[in-house]
């Protein structure tokens, strides 16, 4: 099992959780194609909405449900997606609560890697985030 951190606004995270899907990197396929069934996906939301107010919270957690990556058709927008089983009992956690304990944030320039939209997490960080979000094991 691999654990991933998706960087997505909270507004878009809520939409994805509601639909039971993951969409990363403005609908690009590459990141989703690296995931496998059973992988853990945690979302970090730097903002409430695209271009909106800063939020800086871990906002959702789930497991990749299957091996299928498909392309949705929304007219002019055709994003790639995967099905994810989200833990709806999880509660958002501010970055500041965990920052000192995460391996992800140990580098002073850790935020640069988030620009990719999808980052592989260490086992330590995956366990810490799952516990902090109150995810069912």
Protein backbone atom coordinates (compact mmCIF):
# COMPACT_ATOMS: atom_id res chain seq x y z
CA UNK A 1 0.00 0.00 0.00
CA UNK A 2 1.19 3.47 -0.91
CA UNK A 3 -0.08 6.65 0.70
CA UNK A 4 -0.63 9.84 -1.27
CA UNK A 5 -1.27 13.47 -0.43
CA UNK A 6 -3.51 15.26 -2.91
CA UNK A 7 -3.41 19.05 -2.87
CA UNK A 8 -6.89 20.34 -3.66
CA UNK A 9 -9.11 23.19 -2.44
CA UNK A 10 -11.60 22.20 0.27
CA UNK A 11 -14.51 23.07 -2.01
CA UNK A 12 -13.28 20.59 -4.62
CA UNK A 13 -12.51 17.98 -1.96
CA UNK A 14 -16.12 18.14 -0.76
CA UNK A 15 -17.35 17.68 -4.32
CA UNK A 16 -15.06 14.67 -4.80
CA UNK A 17 -16.09 13.09 -1.50
CA UNK A 18 -19.74 13.59 -2.44
CA UNK A 19 -19.20 11.86 -5.78
CA UNK A 20 -16.86 9.19 -4.39
CA UNK A 21 -14.11 10.17 -6.82
CA UNK A 22 -10.59 11.59 -6.86
CA UNK A 23 -9.52 14.18 -9.40
CA UNK A 24 -5.98 15.52 -9.12
CA UNK A 25 -3.96 18.17 -10.93
CA UNK A 26 -6.84 19.87 -12.75
CA UNK A 27 -8.02 16.56 -14.16
CA UNK A 28 -4.70 15.17 -15.40
CA UNK A 29 -4.32 11.40 -15.68
CA UNK A 30 -0.69 10.88 -14.61
CA UNK A 31 -1.07 11.13 -10.82
CA UNK A 32 -4.17 8.98 -10.73
CA UNK A 33 -2.50 6.34 -12.91
CA UNK A 34 0.25 5.94 -10.27
CA UNK A 35 -2.29 4.90 -7.65
CA UNK A 36 -3.36 1.33 -6.99
CA UNK A 37 -6.40 -0.27 -5.43
CA UNK A 38 -6.13 0.01 -1.64
CA UNK A 39 -3.76 3.00 -1.65
CA UNK A 40 -4.47 5.67 0.93
CA UNK A 41 -5.36 9.16 -0.28
CA UNK A 42 -5.26 12.13 2.09
CA UNK A 43 -6.22 15.60 0.92
CA UNK A 44 -4.50 18.78 1.99
CA UNK A 45 -6.43 21.97 1.20
CA UNK A 46 -4.30 25.11 1.17
CA UNK A 47 -7.42 27.15 0.36
CA UNK A 48 -11.16 26.95 0.88
CA UNK A 49 -11.80 27.46 -2.85
CA UNK A 50 -9.57 28.09 -5.87
CA UNK A 51 -8.19 31.59 -5.35
CA UNK A 52 -10.14 31.81 -2.09
CA UNK A 53 -9.28 32.30 1.55
CA UNK A 54 -6.33 30.36 3.02
CA UNK A 55 -7.33 27.21 4.92
CA UNK A 56 -4.25 24.98 5.39
CA UNK A 57 -6.03 21.85 6.62
CA UNK A 58 -5.98 18.15 5.92
CA UNK A 59 -9.55 17.76 4.78
CA UNK A 60 -10.36 14.16 3.79
CA UNK A 61 -9.05 10.60 3.72
CA UNK A 62 -10.00 7.51 1.77
CA UNK A 63 -8.80 4.43 -0.08
CA UNK A 64 -8.57 3.93 -3.83
CA UNK A 65 -11.46 1.58 -4.60
CA UNK A 66 -10.36 -0.14 -7.81
CA UNK A 67 -7.88 -0.12 -10.70
CA UNK A 68 -9.95 1.94 -13.12
CA UNK A 69 -8.97 5.45 -14.23
CA UNK A 70 -11.66 6.98 -16.43
CA UNK A 71 -12.29 10.23 -18.24
CA UNK A 72 -15.42 12.16 -17.35
CA UNK A 73 -17.20 14.24 -19.97
CA UNK A 74 -18.26 17.66 -18.73
CA UNK A 75 -18.52 19.34 -22.12
CA UNK A 76 -15.35 21.37 -22.64
CA UNK A 77 -13.71 19.79 -19.58
CA UNK A 78 -12.77 16.09 -19.68
CA UNK A 79 -11.01 15.31 -16.37
CA UNK A 80 -9.56 11.93 -15.43
CA UNK A 81 -10.93 10.36 -12.25
CA UNK A 82 -10.70 7.37 -9.93
CA UNK A 83 -13.21 5.93 -7.51
CA UNK A 84 -12.30 6.40 -3.84
CA UNK A 85 -14.02 5.09 -0.71
CA UNK A 86 -13.83 8.05 1.65
CA UNK A 87 -14.05 7.81 5.41
CA UNK A 88 -16.91 10.21 6.05
CA UNK A 89 -16.33 10.02 9.81
CA UNK A 90 -12.96 11.79 9.41
CA UNK A 91 -12.66 15.39 10.62
CA UNK A 92 -10.39 18.09 9.10
CA UNK A 93 -7.17 18.88 10.96
CA UNK A 94 -5.19 22.12 10.71
CA UNK A 95 -1.66 21.78 9.34
CA UNK A 96 -0.25 23.60 12.38
CA UNK A 97 -1.44 20.80 14.69
CA UNK A 98 0.77 18.26 12.88
CA UNK A 99 3.48 20.32 11.21
CA UNK A 100 6.21 19.61 13.80
CA UNK A 101 5.59 15.84 13.64
CA UNK A 102 5.30 15.28 9.88
CA UNK A 103 8.26 14.12 7.82
CA UNK A 104 6.65 15.95 4.88
CA UNK A 105 7.18 19.33 6.54
CA UNK A 106 10.68 18.69 7.92
CA UNK A 107 12.36 20.44 4.97
CA UNK A 108 12.18 24.25 5.24
CA UNK A 109 11.04 24.39 1.59
CA UNK A 110 8.50 21.58 1.91
CA UNK A 111 5.73 23.58 0.25
CA UNK A 112 7.43 23.48 -3.15
CA UNK A 113 6.64 19.79 -3.60
CA UNK A 114 2.92 20.48 -3.12
CA UNK A 115 2.85 22.33 -6.44
CA UNK A 116 2.85 18.95 -8.18
CA UNK A 117 -0.63 18.34 -6.76
CA UNK A 118 0.13 14.80 -5.63
CA UNK A 119 2.93 13.72 -3.27
CA UNK A 120 3.78 10.27 -1.98
CA UNK A 121 3.66 10.12 1.83
CA UNK A 122 5.92 8.18 4.14
CA UNK A 123 4.37 5.40 6.21
CA UNK A 124 4.98 7.53 9.31
CA UNK A 125 3.06 10.48 7.88
CA UNK A 126 0.25 8.26 6.57
CA UNK A 127 -0.26 6.74 10.03
CA UNK A 128 -0.05 10.13 11.74
CA UNK A 129 -2.58 11.71 9.35
CA UNK A 130 -5.00 8.78 9.54
CA UNK A 131 -4.95 8.96 13.34
CA UNK A 132 -5.29 12.75 13.42
CA UNK A 133 -8.21 12.76 10.98
CA UNK A 134 -9.91 10.06 13.07
CA UNK A 135 -10.05 7.63 10.17
CA UNK A 136 -11.33 4.14 10.77
CA UNK A 137 -8.53 1.56 10.55
